Protein backbone atom coordinates (compact mmCIF):
# COMPACT_ATOMS: atom_id res chain seq x y z
CA MET A 1 56.85 40.70 -18.55
CA SER A 2 58.55 41.99 -15.35
CA ASN A 3 55.10 42.73 -13.87
CA ARG A 4 54.02 39.10 -14.25
CA LEU A 5 57.38 37.93 -12.90
CA PHE A 6 57.09 40.07 -9.76
CA GLN A 7 53.43 39.18 -9.23
CA GLY A 8 54.24 35.48 -9.37
CA ILE A 9 56.95 35.80 -6.71
CA ILE A 10 54.84 37.99 -4.42
CA HIS A 11 51.88 35.63 -4.75
CA GLN A 12 54.10 32.77 -3.53
CA MET A 13 55.31 34.88 -0.57
CA LYS A 14 51.83 36.03 0.39
CA ASP A 15 51.30 33.32 3.02
CA ALA A 16 54.83 33.61 4.43
CA ILE A 17 54.58 37.38 5.04
CA ASP A 18 51.58 38.51 7.07
CA ARG A 19 51.61 42.01 5.59
CA VAL A 20 50.70 43.75 2.37
CA VAL A 21 53.63 43.43 -0.05
CA GLY A 22 54.01 45.02 -3.47
CA VAL A 23 56.21 46.57 -6.15
CA VAL A 24 56.01 50.04 -7.68
CA ASP A 25 57.74 51.16 -10.88
CA GLU A 26 59.50 54.47 -11.54
CA THR A 27 56.17 56.12 -12.40
CA SER A 28 54.82 55.36 -8.86
CA VAL A 29 52.31 52.79 -10.15
CA VAL A 30 51.79 49.55 -8.22
CA ILE A 31 52.62 46.81 -10.74
CA ALA A 32 52.43 43.82 -8.35
CA CYS A 33 50.79 43.34 -4.96
CA SER A 34 49.66 40.65 -2.54
CA GLU A 35 46.25 42.40 -2.60
CA LEU A 36 45.28 42.19 -6.27
CA GLY A 37 42.82 45.06 -6.01
CA ARG A 38 45.61 47.52 -5.33
CA ILE A 39 47.45 46.84 -8.61
CA GLY A 40 47.31 50.02 -10.70
CA GLU A 41 47.20 52.37 -7.72
CA VAL A 42 49.55 55.34 -7.74
CA LYS A 43 51.77 55.75 -4.71
CA GLU A 44 52.51 59.33 -3.68
CA ASN A 45 56.01 60.79 -3.37
CA ILE A 46 57.77 58.00 -5.29
CA ASN A 47 60.17 59.63 -7.76
CA SER A 48 63.70 59.43 -9.14
CA GLU A 49 65.08 60.93 -5.93
CA THR A 50 63.50 58.32 -3.65
CA LEU A 51 64.41 55.50 -6.06
CA SER A 52 68.06 56.59 -5.87
CA ALA A 53 68.12 55.85 -2.11
CA THR A 54 70.35 52.92 -1.15
CA VAL A 55 68.64 52.30 2.20
CA PRO A 56 64.99 51.59 3.09
CA PHE A 57 62.72 54.64 3.35
CA VAL A 58 59.26 55.23 4.82
CA ILE A 59 56.34 56.96 3.07
CA ASN A 60 52.70 57.03 4.23
CA GLY A 61 52.93 54.07 6.59
CA CYS A 62 54.85 51.76 4.22
CA THR A 63 58.54 50.86 4.13
CA TYR A 64 60.18 50.90 0.68
CA LYS A 65 63.47 49.64 -0.77
CA ALA A 66 64.57 50.50 -4.31
CA PHE A 67 66.10 47.86 -6.58
CA GLY A 68 67.01 47.24 -10.23
CA ASN A 69 69.78 45.97 -12.49
CA SER A 70 70.66 49.23 -14.24
CA ALA A 71 72.73 52.16 -12.97
CA ARG A 72 69.53 53.75 -11.62
CA ALA A 73 66.91 51.72 -9.73
CA GLU A 74 63.78 51.07 -11.78
CA TYR A 75 61.55 49.63 -9.05
CA ALA A 76 60.87 49.70 -5.34
CA VAL A 77 59.37 46.95 -3.18
CA PHE A 78 57.11 48.00 -0.29
CA VAL A 79 55.79 46.37 2.88
CA SER A 80 53.05 47.80 5.05
CA GLY A 81 54.40 49.03 8.39
CA THR A 82 57.32 51.11 9.53
CA ASP A 83 58.85 48.87 12.20
CA GLU A 84 62.15 46.95 12.17
CA ILE A 85 60.51 43.81 10.79
CA ALA A 86 59.16 45.76 7.80
CA GLN A 87 62.68 46.99 7.08
CA LYS A 88 64.05 43.45 7.14
CA TYR A 89 61.26 42.24 4.87
CA VAL A 90 61.90 44.92 2.20
CA GLN A 91 65.64 44.36 2.24
CA LEU A 92 65.22 40.61 1.74
CA LEU A 93 62.57 41.12 -0.93
CA ALA A 94 64.66 43.73 -2.78
CA VAL A 95 67.63 41.36 -3.00
CA SER A 96 65.42 38.46 -4.10
CA LEU A 97 63.47 40.39 -6.73
CA ALA A 98 66.61 42.06 -8.14
CA SER A 99 68.34 38.67 -8.49
CA ILE A 100 65.29 37.09 -10.11
CA LYS A 101 64.94 39.97 -12.57
CA GLN A 102 68.63 39.79 -13.49
CA TYR A 103 68.34 36.05 -14.11
CA TYR A 104 65.22 36.61 -16.19
CA ASP A 105 66.86 39.36 -18.26
CA GLU A 106 69.95 37.26 -18.92
CA LYS A 107 67.85 34.24 -19.83
CA TYR A 108 65.54 36.03 -22.23
CA ASP A 109 67.66 38.87 -23.54
CA ARG A 110 68.58 38.01 -27.13
CA SER A 111 71.25 40.70 -27.45
CA ASN A 112 73.01 39.38 -24.36
CA PHE A 113 72.78 35.87 -25.83
CA ILE A 114 74.32 36.99 -29.14
CA LYS A 115 77.07 38.85 -27.26
CA ASN A 116 77.95 35.69 -25.35
CA VAL A 117 78.00 33.71 -28.61
CA ILE A 118 80.35 36.01 -30.53
CA LEU A 119 82.67 36.43 -27.53
CA ASP A 120 82.78 32.66 -26.88
CA ASN A 121 81.30 33.11 -23.41
CA ILE A 122 78.84 30.24 -23.82
CA LEU A 123 79.50 26.52 -24.17
CA PRO A 124 78.92 25.19 -27.70
CA GLY A 125 76.46 22.62 -26.39
CA ASP A 126 74.38 25.32 -24.70
CA ILE A 127 74.06 27.55 -27.77
CA TYR A 128 71.21 25.66 -29.46
CA ILE A 129 69.45 24.99 -26.15
CA LYS A 130 69.45 28.70 -25.34
CA ALA A 131 68.44 29.55 -28.92
CA ARG A 132 65.35 27.34 -28.57
CA GLU A 133 64.47 28.99 -25.24
CA LEU A 134 64.61 32.39 -26.92
CA HIS A 135 62.76 31.16 -30.05
CA PHE A 136 65.85 32.28 -31.93
CA SER A 137 66.26 31.03 -35.49
CA SER A 138 69.65 29.31 -35.46
CA GLU A 139 69.93 28.45 -39.17
CA VAL A 140 69.48 31.94 -40.66
CA THR A 141 72.49 33.39 -42.51
CA ARG A 142 74.08 36.25 -40.59
CA VAL A 143 77.28 38.27 -40.79
CA CYS A 144 79.25 40.03 -38.09
CA MET A 145 80.66 43.52 -38.60
CA LEU A 146 82.97 45.22 -36.14
CA ILE A 147 82.72 49.01 -36.01
CA LYS A 148 85.76 50.65 -34.41
CA ILE A 149 85.38 54.30 -33.42
CA THR A 150 88.60 56.17 -34.19
CA SER A 151 87.58 59.66 -33.03
CA LYS A 152 85.70 60.43 -29.82
CA THR A 153 82.75 62.82 -29.82
CA ASP A 154 79.92 63.65 -27.44
CA VAL A 155 77.54 61.63 -29.61
CA SER A 156 76.85 57.99 -28.69
CA ALA A 157 77.87 55.96 -31.74
CA TYR A 158 76.14 52.93 -30.23
CA ASP A 159 72.77 54.72 -30.19
CA ILE A 160 73.27 55.93 -33.77
CA VAL A 161 74.03 52.45 -35.08
CA GLN A 162 71.03 51.08 -33.17
CA ASN A 163 68.80 53.64 -34.89
CA LEU A 164 70.23 52.63 -38.27
CA PHE A 165 69.14 49.02 -37.63
CA PRO A 166 65.83 49.23 -35.72
CA ASP A 167 64.65 45.66 -36.40
CA LYS A 168 65.60 44.04 -33.07
CA THR A 169 64.39 40.61 -34.22
CA LYS A 170 66.87 40.38 -37.12
CA ASP A 171 69.73 42.78 -36.40
CA PHE A 172 71.67 43.03 -33.13
CA VAL A 173 73.87 45.95 -32.15
CA ILE A 174 76.21 45.05 -29.29
CA ASN A 175 78.48 47.35 -27.30
CA ILE A 176 81.80 45.50 -26.91
CA ASN A 177 83.81 48.27 -25.23
CA GLU A 178 84.37 52.04 -25.41
CA THR A 179 85.52 51.98 -29.04
CA ASP A 180 84.12 48.74 -30.51
CA ILE A 181 80.54 48.02 -31.58
CA ALA A 182 79.50 44.69 -33.09
CA LEU A 183 76.68 44.48 -35.62
CA VAL A 184 75.22 41.01 -36.18
CA LYS A 185 73.00 41.36 -39.24
CA GLU A 186 70.69 38.87 -40.89
CA ILE A 187 71.44 38.63 -44.62
CA LYS A 188 70.25 36.72 -47.66
CA ALA A 189 72.10 33.51 -48.43
CA GLY A 190 74.75 33.99 -51.12
CA ILE A 191 74.91 37.77 -50.76
CA ASP A 192 77.86 39.37 -52.53
CA THR A 193 80.72 40.79 -50.45
CA LYS A 194 80.43 44.08 -52.37
CA ASP A 195 76.88 44.55 -51.03
CA LEU A 196 78.13 44.09 -47.47
CA GLU A 197 80.90 46.60 -48.12
CA LYS A 198 78.32 49.11 -49.41
CA LEU A 199 76.33 48.65 -46.20
CA ALA A 200 79.45 49.14 -44.11
CA SER A 201 80.35 52.24 -46.13
CA SER A 202 76.91 53.71 -45.43
CA ILE A 203 77.54 53.29 -41.69
CA VAL A 204 80.92 55.02 -41.99
CA ASP A 205 79.45 57.85 -44.08
CA THR A 206 76.48 58.40 -41.74
CA LEU A 207 78.65 58.59 -38.63
CA SER A 208 81.17 60.85 -40.35
CA SER A 209 78.96 63.27 -42.30
CA GLU A 210 76.06 63.66 -39.87
CA PHE A 211 77.69 63.15 -36.45
CA TYR A 212 81.38 63.92 -37.12
CA THR A 213 82.37 60.54 -35.69
CA HIS A 214 85.07 58.69 -37.63
CA CYS A 215 85.23 54.92 -37.67
CA CYS A 216 86.38 51.90 -39.66
CA VAL A 217 84.48 48.66 -40.20
CA GLY A 218 85.74 45.09 -40.41
CA ILE A 219 83.50 42.51 -42.10
CA GLY A 220 83.61 38.79 -41.30
CA THR A 221 82.37 36.01 -43.56
CA ALA A 222 78.73 34.94 -43.65
CA ALA A 223 77.75 32.45 -40.93
CA VAL A 224 74.94 30.03 -41.76
CA GLY A 225 74.59 28.59 -38.25
CA ILE A 226 74.55 30.61 -35.05
CA LYS A 227 77.50 28.61 -33.83
CA ASP A 228 79.70 30.13 -36.56
CA LEU A 229 78.99 33.73 -35.50
CA ALA A 230 82.01 33.66 -33.18
CA ASN A 231 84.23 32.90 -36.19
CA SER A 232 82.65 35.72 -38.19
CA PHE A 233 83.36 38.13 -35.31
CA LYS A 234 86.99 37.00 -35.06
CA GLU A 235 87.36 37.43 -38.82
CA ALA A 236 86.02 40.98 -38.55
CA GLN A 237 88.65 41.66 -35.86
CA VAL A 238 91.41 40.23 -38.06
CA ALA A 239 90.17 42.30 -41.02
CA LEU A 240 90.55 45.51 -39.00
CA GLU A 241 93.96 44.53 -37.66
CA VAL A 242 95.31 43.55 -41.08
CA GLY A 243 93.79 46.63 -42.70
CA LYS A 244 95.46 48.84 -40.09
CA VAL A 245 98.83 47.41 -41.15
CA PHE A 246 98.56 47.06 -44.93
CA ASP A 247 95.86 49.50 -46.03
CA THR A 248 95.57 52.35 -43.57
CA GLU A 249 93.48 54.56 -45.88
CA ARG A 250 90.55 52.15 -46.20
CA THR A 251 87.67 52.53 -43.75
CA VAL A 252 85.95 49.28 -44.76
CA VAL A 253 87.94 46.05 -44.76
CA SER A 254 86.44 42.68 -45.64
CA TYR A 255 88.02 39.42 -44.47
CA ASP A 256 87.23 37.88 -47.86
CA ASN A 257 89.37 40.47 -49.66
CA LEU A 258 92.49 40.44 -47.48
CA GLY A 259 94.35 38.18 -49.90
CA ILE A 260 98.04 37.62 -49.24
CA ALA A 261 98.03 40.24 -46.46
CA ARG A 262 96.19 37.78 -44.21
CA LEU A 263 98.89 35.17 -44.79
CA ILE A 264 101.72 37.60 -44.05
CA TYR A 265 99.99 38.82 -40.89
CA GLN A 266 100.01 35.28 -39.49
CA LEU A 267 103.76 34.76 -40.03
CA PRO A 268 106.32 35.05 -37.20
CA THR A 269 108.45 38.19 -37.45
CA THR A 270 111.66 36.14 -37.38
CA LEU A 271 110.60 34.33 -40.55
CA CYS A 272 109.68 37.64 -42.20
CA ASP A 273 113.05 39.10 -41.32
CA MET A 274 114.83 36.09 -42.86
CA PHE A 275 112.77 36.48 -46.03
CA LEU A 276 113.76 40.15 -46.42
CA LYS A 277 117.43 39.33 -45.98
CA GLU A 278 117.20 36.65 -48.67
CA VAL A 279 115.35 38.91 -51.13
CA PHE A 280 117.59 41.95 -50.69
CA LYS A 281 120.99 40.31 -50.65
CA ARG A 282 122.60 43.06 -52.68
CA GLY A 283 121.26 45.94 -50.63
CA SER A 284 118.73 46.82 -47.98
CA ILE A 285 115.22 47.95 -48.89
CA GLU A 286 116.00 51.10 -46.91
CA SER A 287 118.39 52.11 -49.72
CA LEU A 288 115.38 52.91 -51.92
CA ASP A 289 114.29 56.55 -51.64
CA GLN A 290 110.66 57.73 -51.47
CA GLU A 291 110.56 58.71 -55.16
CA THR A 292 111.67 55.22 -56.16
CA LEU A 293 109.15 53.55 -53.85
CA PHE A 294 106.39 55.77 -55.29
CA THR A 295 107.42 54.76 -58.81
CA ILE A 296 107.29 51.08 -57.82
CA GLN A 297 103.82 51.54 -56.31
CA LYS A 298 102.47 53.14 -59.49
CA PHE A 299 104.13 50.46 -61.61
CA PHE A 300 102.26 47.79 -59.66
CA GLU A 301 98.99 49.73 -59.79
CA ASN A 302 99.25 49.82 -63.61
CA ASN A 303 99.87 46.08 -63.94
CA LEU A 304 103.60 46.38 -64.80
CA ASN A 305 102.77 48.38 -67.91
CA VAL A 306 105.69 50.76 -68.63
CA SER A 307 103.84 53.04 -71.06
CA GLU A 308 100.76 53.44 -68.83
CA THR A 309 102.85 54.03 -65.72
CA SER A 310 105.00 56.70 -67.38
CA ARG A 311 101.83 58.46 -68.57
CA LYS A 312 100.36 58.43 -65.04
CA LEU A 313 103.65 59.69 -63.57
CA PHE A 314 103.98 62.39 -66.27
CA VAL A 315 107.50 61.23 -67.12
CA HIS A 316 109.12 60.04 -70.35
CA ARG A 317 109.07 56.32 -70.97
CA ASN A 318 112.87 56.22 -71.00
CA THR A 319 112.97 57.93 -67.62
CA LEU A 320 110.83 55.18 -66.13
CA VAL A 321 112.97 52.48 -67.77
CA TYR A 322 116.06 54.15 -66.25
CA ARG A 323 114.45 54.05 -62.79
CA LEU A 324 113.54 50.39 -63.17
CA GLU A 325 117.12 49.60 -64.23
CA LYS A 326 118.36 51.45 -61.15
CA ILE A 327 116.07 49.32 -58.95
CA LYS A 328 117.38 46.18 -60.64
CA LYS A 329 120.94 47.23 -59.98
CA LEU A 330 120.25 47.95 -56.31
CA THR A 331 118.13 44.91 -55.50
CA GLY A 332 118.81 42.37 -58.22
CA LEU A 333 115.09 42.26 -59.07
CA ASP A 334 113.75 43.27 -62.48
CA LEU A 335 110.20 44.50 -61.86
CA ARG A 336 109.36 44.06 -65.54
CA GLU A 337 109.63 40.30 -64.94
CA PHE A 338 106.46 38.86 -63.41
CA GLU A 339 108.19 36.57 -60.89
CA ASP A 340 110.54 39.30 -59.68
CA ALA A 341 107.61 41.70 -59.38
CA ILE A 342 105.69 39.22 -57.20
CA VAL A 343 108.70 38.74 -54.90
CA PHE A 344 109.20 42.49 -54.59
CA LYS A 345 105.50 43.14 -53.90
CA VAL A 346 105.46 40.55 -51.12
CA ALA A 347 108.71 41.93 -49.71
CA LEU A 348 107.23 45.43 -49.49
CA MET A 349 104.20 44.06 -47.63
CA VAL A 350 106.43 42.08 -45.25
CA LYS A 351 108.47 45.22 -44.57
CA LYS A 352 105.32 47.18 -43.83
CA TYR A 353 104.14 44.41 -41.49
CA LEU A 354 107.44 44.38 -39.58
CA THR A 355 107.39 48.16 -39.25
CA ALA A 356 103.81 48.19 -37.96
CA SER A 357 104.11 45.34 -35.44
CA PRO A 358 107.74 44.73 -34.42
CA SER A 359 106.75 43.10 -31.11
CA LYS A 360 104.26 40.62 -32.58
CA PHE A 361 105.12 36.96 -31.89
């Protein structure tokens, strides 16, 4: 497509410039020229070294100037002649062609479009207009996953994820920054959250087992319209942030399964501090030792069942009852009572939240 773009511009400039004008690519082939018969010719001595030059250079009676939008120039424009006018022509043409190519890439690059959508860098009214320009289906169900790299290696995680999802028409892998990679994936309507978590787990396992790169994945909710992708991306961010506070061992966190943790995460710390003081009037939560906290955790995991919890802890049932009575004496909360258990569970989560983010709000 770039060849046709360059040829169109050069054809329009043909009458304004009374010299042969053309563009060569990095393989030295003429891809556009004011003399159509020269398209396809191979120019000698054009290589990566000459394309890295930042100033005009002369080869075989023509003046060249490299240009491109990437870190390394991909093209060079040439004008016949080696005089001062030829140098001015190539410099002007290089700037013009580079700007036109950048505009073209931005206009027709779907990945760049999706990146602008999820980062809210495009006006809502322009989303559907741009989607039509790109022939982009705006009503397909998609979900946004945020992959956060937690251990640096020499391997490019971005390239690996791209290879895992090669269908560029349906799945988009976007580099957000050094540690974050967004995956916008087309999914079937009504897909179960567990299936998305399995997919995310496969990404984590592949990066970890084959490339020794550790990561965690946040999953947003399904977005039916393209406009809602930004919300799905924000939800994936929240999922990772909340998971980092309340469930540090999990590598895959879904926004749909955050439960009460999401509510606590959105509360001001002052309100959380007041809640803890009200719950633990008799004594601070810090008065509970690690063994007691571990017992409480197992008691919750076994649905407040004394017999099952004592079996899992390898202690006598009476020993567990004694510990629960001790907790009741210290805090005033009987964990065998459902309402007290709920209050204590929430209090533990609030405490964890305050410890993890004391400066929030």
